[in-house]
Protein backbone atom coordinates (compact mmCIF):
# COMPACT_ATOMS: atom_id res chain seq x y z
CA MET A 1 1.51 213.75 156.19
CA LYS A 2 3.05 212.35 153.03
CA VAL A 3 1.75 212.32 149.88
CA LYS A 4 -0.14 209.49 148.87
CA GLY A 5 -1.64 208.32 145.52
CA ILE A 6 -3.54 205.66 143.73
CA ALA A 7 -2.58 203.86 140.71
CA LEU A 8 -5.16 202.66 138.65
CA PHE A 9 -3.02 200.35 136.79
CA SER A 10 -3.32 198.22 134.16
CA GLY A 11 0.11 196.32 133.92
CA GLY A 12 1.25 198.07 129.83
CA LEU A 13 4.13 200.39 129.84
CA ASP A 14 1.97 203.27 129.71
CA SER A 15 0.81 202.40 133.51
CA SER A 16 4.59 201.42 134.89
CA LEU A 17 5.45 204.76 133.39
CA ALA A 18 2.99 206.89 135.22
CA PHE A 19 4.17 204.95 138.14
CA LYS A 20 7.54 205.68 137.91
CA VAL A 21 7.06 209.43 137.20
CA ILE A 22 5.17 209.94 140.64
CA GLU A 23 7.09 207.89 142.50
CA GLU A 24 10.49 209.67 141.88
CA GLN A 25 8.72 212.99 143.18
CA GLY A 26 8.55 211.07 146.78
CA ILE A 27 5.14 210.15 146.52
CA ASP A 28 3.79 206.36 148.49
CA VAL A 29 1.68 204.48 145.65
CA LEU A 30 -0.79 202.17 145.93
CA GLY A 31 -1.60 200.18 142.84
CA ILE A 32 -5.23 199.27 142.13
CA THR A 33 -6.15 196.88 139.08
CA PHE A 34 -9.32 194.80 138.47
CA GLU A 35 -10.71 191.51 137.02
CA THR A 36 -14.03 190.47 135.48
CA PRO A 37 -15.13 187.82 133.45
CA PHE A 38 -13.95 190.14 130.25
CA PHE A 39 -10.55 190.67 131.18
CA GLY A 40 -7.88 189.48 134.11
CA ALA A 41 -5.24 190.65 136.14
CA ALA A 42 -2.73 188.50 135.30
CA LYS A 43 -0.73 191.31 133.23
CA ALA A 44 -1.04 193.58 136.12
CA ARG A 45 -0.02 191.28 138.85
CA ALA A 46 3.19 190.73 136.54
CA ALA A 47 3.96 193.93 135.89
CA ALA A 48 3.54 195.48 139.52
CA GLY A 49 5.84 192.38 140.73
CA ARG A 50 8.56 194.07 138.23
CA ILE A 51 8.66 197.30 139.51
CA GLY A 52 7.98 197.06 143.05
CA LEU A 53 4.47 198.12 143.07
CA PRO A 54 2.01 197.32 145.86
CA LEU A 55 -0.71 196.14 143.64
CA THR A 56 -4.84 195.03 145.10
CA VAL A 57 -6.53 193.45 142.55
CA LEU A 58 -10.67 193.42 143.10
CA ASP A 59 -13.19 191.28 141.43
CA ILE A 60 -16.09 193.68 139.92
CA THR A 61 -18.05 191.62 137.91
CA GLU A 62 -21.30 192.68 139.70
CA GLU A 63 -21.06 196.51 139.02
CA HIS A 64 -19.23 195.80 135.91
CA LEU A 65 -22.07 193.97 134.39
CA GLN A 66 -24.65 196.24 135.26
CA MET A 67 -23.00 198.80 133.64
CA LEU A 68 -22.72 196.63 130.25
CA HIS A 69 -26.61 196.28 130.07
CA ALA A 70 -27.30 199.80 129.54
CA PRO A 71 -23.97 201.78 129.16
CA ARG A 72 -24.41 205.82 129.21
CA TYR A 73 -22.03 205.96 126.13
CA GLY A 74 -22.99 203.41 124.34
CA TYR A 75 -20.53 200.29 122.60
CA GLY A 76 -17.69 201.02 120.43
CA LYS A 77 -17.68 198.43 117.47
CA ASN A 78 -18.56 195.69 119.42
CA MET A 79 -19.52 195.19 122.78
CA ASN A 80 -16.38 197.75 124.73
CA PRO A 81 -18.24 200.30 126.36
CA CYS A 82 -15.10 202.03 127.02
CA ILE A 83 -15.97 205.24 128.29
CA ASP A 84 -18.38 203.78 131.04
CA CYS A 85 -16.03 201.19 131.72
CA HIS A 86 -13.02 203.84 132.55
CA THR A 87 -15.55 205.83 134.82
CA LEU A 88 -16.64 203.01 136.52
CA MET A 89 -13.30 201.71 137.17
CA LEU A 90 -12.19 204.96 138.52
CA LYS A 91 -15.28 205.62 140.69
CA ILE A 92 -14.25 202.18 142.32
CA ALA A 93 -10.52 203.82 142.46
CA GLY A 94 -11.62 206.94 143.99
CA ARG A 95 -13.57 205.28 146.95
CA ARG A 96 -10.27 203.32 147.89
CA MET A 97 -8.70 206.68 147.68
CA GLU A 98 -11.09 207.70 150.31
CA GLU A 99 -10.73 204.79 151.96
CA GLU A 100 -7.20 204.79 152.34
CA GLY A 101 -6.91 208.74 152.95
CA ALA A 102 -4.87 209.00 149.58
CA ASP A 103 -4.70 212.43 147.70
CA PHE A 104 -4.95 211.22 144.38
CA VAL A 105 -5.58 208.97 141.45
CA PHE A 106 -3.91 208.72 138.64
CA THR A 107 -3.87 206.28 135.53
CA GLY A 108 -1.36 205.87 132.46
CA GLU A 109 -3.77 207.10 129.84
CA VAL A 110 -2.01 209.29 126.87
CA LEU A 111 -4.32 212.22 124.90
CA GLY A 112 -4.98 210.92 121.75
CA GLN A 113 -3.63 207.06 122.01
CA ARG A 114 -7.01 206.48 121.34
CA PRO A 115 -9.12 209.03 119.76
CA MET A 116 -12.84 207.65 121.26
CA SER A 117 -12.31 207.19 124.98
CA GLN A 118 -8.90 209.29 125.44
CA GLY A 119 -9.39 212.90 124.11
CA LYS A 120 -9.24 215.41 125.64
CA GLN A 121 -13.70 216.05 125.79
CA SER A 122 -13.18 212.40 126.96
CA LEU A 123 -11.22 212.35 129.60
CA ALA A 124 -12.87 215.26 131.21
CA VAL A 125 -16.38 213.64 131.16
CA VAL A 126 -14.95 210.32 132.74
CA ALA A 127 -13.41 212.19 135.77
CA LYS A 128 -16.34 214.25 136.01
CA ASN A 129 -18.69 211.01 135.84
CA ALA A 130 -16.62 209.40 138.05
CA GLY A 131 -17.26 211.76 140.72
CA TYR A 132 -13.56 213.29 141.43
CA PRO A 133 -13.08 215.76 138.44
CA ASP A 134 -9.79 217.09 140.64
CA ARG A 135 -8.24 214.66 141.96
CA ILE A 136 -7.75 212.24 139.04
CA ILE A 137 -4.21 213.27 136.83
CA ARG A 138 -2.92 211.48 133.74
CA PRO A 139 1.03 212.13 134.45
CA LEU A 140 2.09 211.32 130.82
CA SER A 141 -0.35 214.08 129.69
CA ALA A 142 -0.72 216.07 132.52
CA ARG A 143 0.34 219.65 131.26
CA LEU A 144 -1.92 219.19 128.10
CA LEU A 145 -4.88 219.04 130.56
CA PRO A 146 -6.12 221.28 132.90
CA GLU A 147 -4.27 221.80 136.53
CA THR A 148 -5.66 219.34 139.22
CA ALA A 149 -6.24 220.06 142.58
CA PRO A 150 -3.26 218.15 143.90
CA GLU A 151 -1.22 220.00 141.21
CA ARG A 152 -2.68 223.45 142.62
CA GLU A 153 -2.12 222.63 146.35
CA GLY A 154 1.74 221.56 145.27
CA LYS A 155 0.92 217.68 146.21
CA VAL A 156 2.49 216.84 142.93
CA ASP A 157 4.67 218.92 140.92
CA ARG A 158 3.46 219.40 137.53
CA ALA A 159 6.55 220.54 136.04
CA ARG A 160 8.02 217.11 137.03
CA LEU A 161 4.88 215.88 134.66
CA LEU A 162 4.64 215.17 130.99
CA ASP A 163 3.33 216.48 127.68
CA ILE A 164 2.94 212.99 125.74
CA GLN A 165 0.09 212.62 123.84
CA GLY A 166 -0.90 210.88 120.08
CA ARG A 167 -0.47 207.14 119.15
CA GLY A 168 3.49 207.25 119.15
CA ARG A 169 5.56 205.16 121.26
CA LYS A 170 8.65 206.23 120.96
CA GLN A 171 8.90 208.84 124.04
CA GLN A 172 7.71 205.66 125.99
CA MET A 173 10.17 203.48 124.92
CA GLU A 174 13.16 206.02 125.53
CA MET A 175 11.52 206.86 129.31
CA ALA A 176 11.60 203.06 129.24
CA VAL A 177 15.19 202.50 129.05
CA HIS A 178 15.71 205.24 131.17
CA TYR A 179 13.76 203.83 134.65
CA GLY A 180 15.06 200.19 133.66
CA ILE A 181 11.84 198.74 132.52
CA THR A 182 13.02 196.33 130.45
CA SER A 183 10.41 193.80 130.07
CA TYR A 184 6.75 194.72 129.06
CA PRO A 185 3.54 193.64 126.80
CA ALA A 186 2.93 195.03 122.97
CA PRO A 187 0.03 197.38 123.62
CA ALA A 188 -2.81 195.40 122.97
CA GLY A 189 -6.72 195.64 124.45
CA GLY A 190 -6.45 192.06 126.33
CA CYS A 191 -10.36 192.80 126.79
CA LEU A 192 -12.65 190.36 125.14
CA LEU A 193 -15.70 192.83 124.95
CA THR A 194 -13.56 194.02 121.52
CA ASP A 195 -13.44 190.42 120.41
CA PRO A 196 -15.70 190.41 117.25
CA VAL A 197 -17.51 186.93 117.95
CA PHE A 198 -17.24 187.24 121.59
CA ALA A 199 -18.93 190.03 121.39
CA LYS A 200 -21.62 188.82 118.54
CA ARG A 201 -22.06 185.69 121.46
CA LEU A 202 -22.30 187.70 124.29
CA ARG A 203 -25.15 189.89 122.55
CA ASP A 204 -27.18 186.78 121.73
CA LEU A 205 -26.68 185.53 125.34
CA PHE A 206 -28.56 189.25 126.50
CA ASP A 207 -30.88 189.22 124.07
CA ARG A 208 -32.21 186.17 124.93
CA HIS A 209 -31.15 185.21 128.54
CA PRO A 210 -31.86 188.18 130.09
CA ASP A 211 -31.23 186.09 133.67
CA HIS A 212 -28.11 184.68 132.71
CA SER A 213 -25.40 183.70 135.55
CA VAL A 214 -21.68 184.41 135.33
CA ARG A 215 -21.09 180.70 134.55
CA ASP A 216 -23.02 181.38 131.30
CA ILE A 217 -20.47 184.27 130.18
CA GLU A 218 -17.99 182.14 131.13
CA LEU A 219 -19.02 179.63 128.31
CA LEU A 220 -19.03 181.98 125.66
CA LYS A 221 -15.25 181.85 125.74
CA VAL A 222 -15.01 178.12 124.95
CA GLY A 223 -16.44 175.72 121.48
CA ARG A 224 -18.39 176.75 119.12
CA HIS A 225 -22.12 178.05 119.64
CA PHE A 226 -25.32 177.32 117.91
CA ARG A 227 -28.16 178.73 118.24
CA ILE A 228 -30.87 175.85 118.67
CA ASN A 229 -33.87 177.79 119.17
CA GLU A 230 -35.00 181.00 120.76
CA ALA A 231 -34.73 179.54 124.58
CA THR A 232 -32.04 177.32 124.25
CA LYS A 233 -28.24 176.76 122.50
CA ALA A 234 -25.73 174.42 122.19
CA VAL A 235 -22.13 174.57 122.69
CA VAL A 236 -19.51 172.54 121.01
CA GLY A 237 -15.91 171.58 122.01
CA ARG A 238 -13.63 172.17 119.22
CA ASN A 239 -10.48 170.47 120.80
CA ALA A 240 -9.48 168.43 124.01
CA MET A 241 -9.16 171.78 126.10
CA ASP A 242 -12.37 173.03 125.12
CA ASN A 243 -14.12 169.53 126.31
CA ASP A 244 -12.51 169.80 129.38
CA SER A 245 -13.72 173.61 130.37
CA ILE A 246 -17.30 172.34 128.91
CA GLU A 247 -17.33 169.76 131.62
CA ARG A 248 -16.22 171.72 134.45
CA LEU A 249 -18.13 174.87 133.44
CA ALA A 250 -21.39 172.09 133.53
CA VAL A 251 -24.22 171.96 136.23
CA PRO A 252 -26.38 168.69 136.80
CA ASP A 253 -29.28 170.28 134.90
CA ASP A 254 -27.29 170.86 131.73
CA ALA A 255 -27.41 168.13 129.00
CA LEU A 256 -23.64 166.60 128.26
CA ILE A 257 -23.55 164.88 124.85
CA ARG A 258 -21.08 162.90 123.70
CA ILE A 259 -20.72 160.17 120.37
CA ALA A 260 -20.03 156.53 121.49
CA GLU A 261 -16.92 154.97 120.50
CA VAL A 262 -15.37 158.09 118.27
CA PRO A 263 -13.45 160.61 119.14
CA GLY A 264 -14.89 163.94 119.15
CA PRO A 265 -16.61 166.87 120.87
CA THR A 266 -18.35 167.14 124.19
CA VAL A 267 -21.97 169.52 123.60
CA LEU A 268 -23.04 171.12 126.42
CA ILE A 269 -26.83 172.28 126.29
CA PRO A 270 -27.12 174.98 129.28
CA GLY A 271 -30.42 173.86 131.18
CA GLY A 272 -30.51 170.43 129.05
CA GLY A 273 -33.29 171.40 126.61
CA ASP A 274 -36.30 169.35 125.42
CA GLU A 275 -35.81 166.41 123.56
CA GLU A 276 -36.07 167.16 119.91
CA THR A 277 -33.24 170.10 121.59
CA ARG A 278 -30.98 167.09 122.44
CA LEU A 279 -31.77 165.26 119.10
CA LEU A 280 -30.35 168.50 117.36
CA ALA A 281 -27.40 168.74 119.68
CA ALA A 282 -26.45 165.09 119.32
CA ARG A 283 -26.08 165.52 115.34
CA LEU A 284 -24.42 168.57 115.72
CA CYS A 285 -21.80 165.94 117.80
CA ALA A 286 -21.89 163.81 115.19
CA ARG A 287 -21.18 166.55 112.56
CA TYR A 288 -17.68 167.53 114.67
CA SER A 289 -16.70 163.87 115.25
CA ASP A 290 -14.42 160.89 113.53
CA ALA A 291 -17.91 159.31 112.84
CA PRO A 292 -19.13 158.36 109.36
CA ARG A 293 -21.60 161.20 107.57
CA ASP A 294 -23.34 159.25 105.92
CA GLN A 295 -24.56 156.22 108.41
CA ALA A 296 -26.57 157.00 111.95
CA VAL A 297 -24.45 156.49 115.32
CA VAL A 298 -24.81 156.64 118.78
CA ALA A 299 -24.88 159.46 120.96
CA HIS A 300 -24.67 159.21 124.89
CA CYS A 301 -26.82 162.03 126.78
CA LEU A 302 -25.99 162.35 130.37
CA ARG A 303 -28.25 165.01 132.44
CA SER A 304 -28.87 165.01 136.44
CA GLY A 305 -27.07 161.52 136.32
CA ILE A 306 -29.36 159.67 133.97
CA GLY A 307 -27.88 158.75 130.53
CA THR A 308 -29.87 158.03 127.40
CA SER A 309 -28.77 157.14 124.10
CA LEU A 310 -30.05 158.40 121.21
CA SER A 311 -29.32 157.23 117.01
CA VAL A 312 -28.73 160.29 115.38
CA LEU A 313 -27.18 161.42 112.00
CA ALA A 314 -24.52 163.74 111.25
CA LEU A 315 -26.30 167.04 110.86
CA LEU A 316 -25.41 168.68 107.20
CA PRO A 317 -22.72 171.34 106.81
CA GLU A 318 -25.64 174.13 105.20
CA GLU A 319 -28.01 173.24 108.34
CA THR A 320 -24.74 173.93 110.72
CA ALA A 321 -24.53 176.79 109.11
CA ARG A 322 -27.69 177.86 109.51
CA LEU A 323 -27.48 177.63 113.24
CA ILE A 324 -24.04 178.71 114.26
CA ILE A 325 -23.76 182.24 116.57
């Protein structure tokens, strides 16, 4: 029976090279990648198409959010739980390995490339906690790591695996030329959890709205966010694209506010808020519109199909600064 491997595939150069190293041993490879509100699969889809890797995309939002609320190994600099996230991904890839009757899972990880999550100890911890300590191969650094069962069983030739380590990219770039990989993305995170502004907004959401929805997370990606009170916040569009996104994400219970007769943002209050909250949000809307700062303007508020008008003065810059998340 032919040997089969499951590639945990990010779409970066390292994961593409890992695929090539395994494929050239005559092993059948199926790729798997994931998407959540914090990262997508577009890069992986594009790269898999270029190198001929059959790829399955799985939405793991529910399991990922459960992990994200209480990661066993905590967060990185922002809200990125890298060790726990890698563990979850390998656990799911391991389940796919069993479903497909495959022999092992492999990744493009390089020993020491990311000191916190790709040190020798971290790689071992992740493999163990994922539940497949002897079935996870890192082809680009395998000869620097303990031998795995597929290598011992002769299903993977260890001598044809590599011993790359550290943050340098020279060897990988030379390999890309060898394998004819001419297009690949620059090494970058791509995960919103590493972004300090997004992380601050997410922490605010987790702390004050434990019953949040996926829609609430999607809202974190657009506009400016202001904490009106412990129960309510406002999202203010920065441009036409933000305004369109805010309107698309709105639900009937939300309040949508715009200033009459002048260009400006759309403001959304999730859940609608009370009268005082809507008045303050309307002042924020005026603050970021083209309306005069020193005279009252009319703000239109729509909630559950019912429109009302409010006469407001633009919020002062110092008041605005106190509310921003």
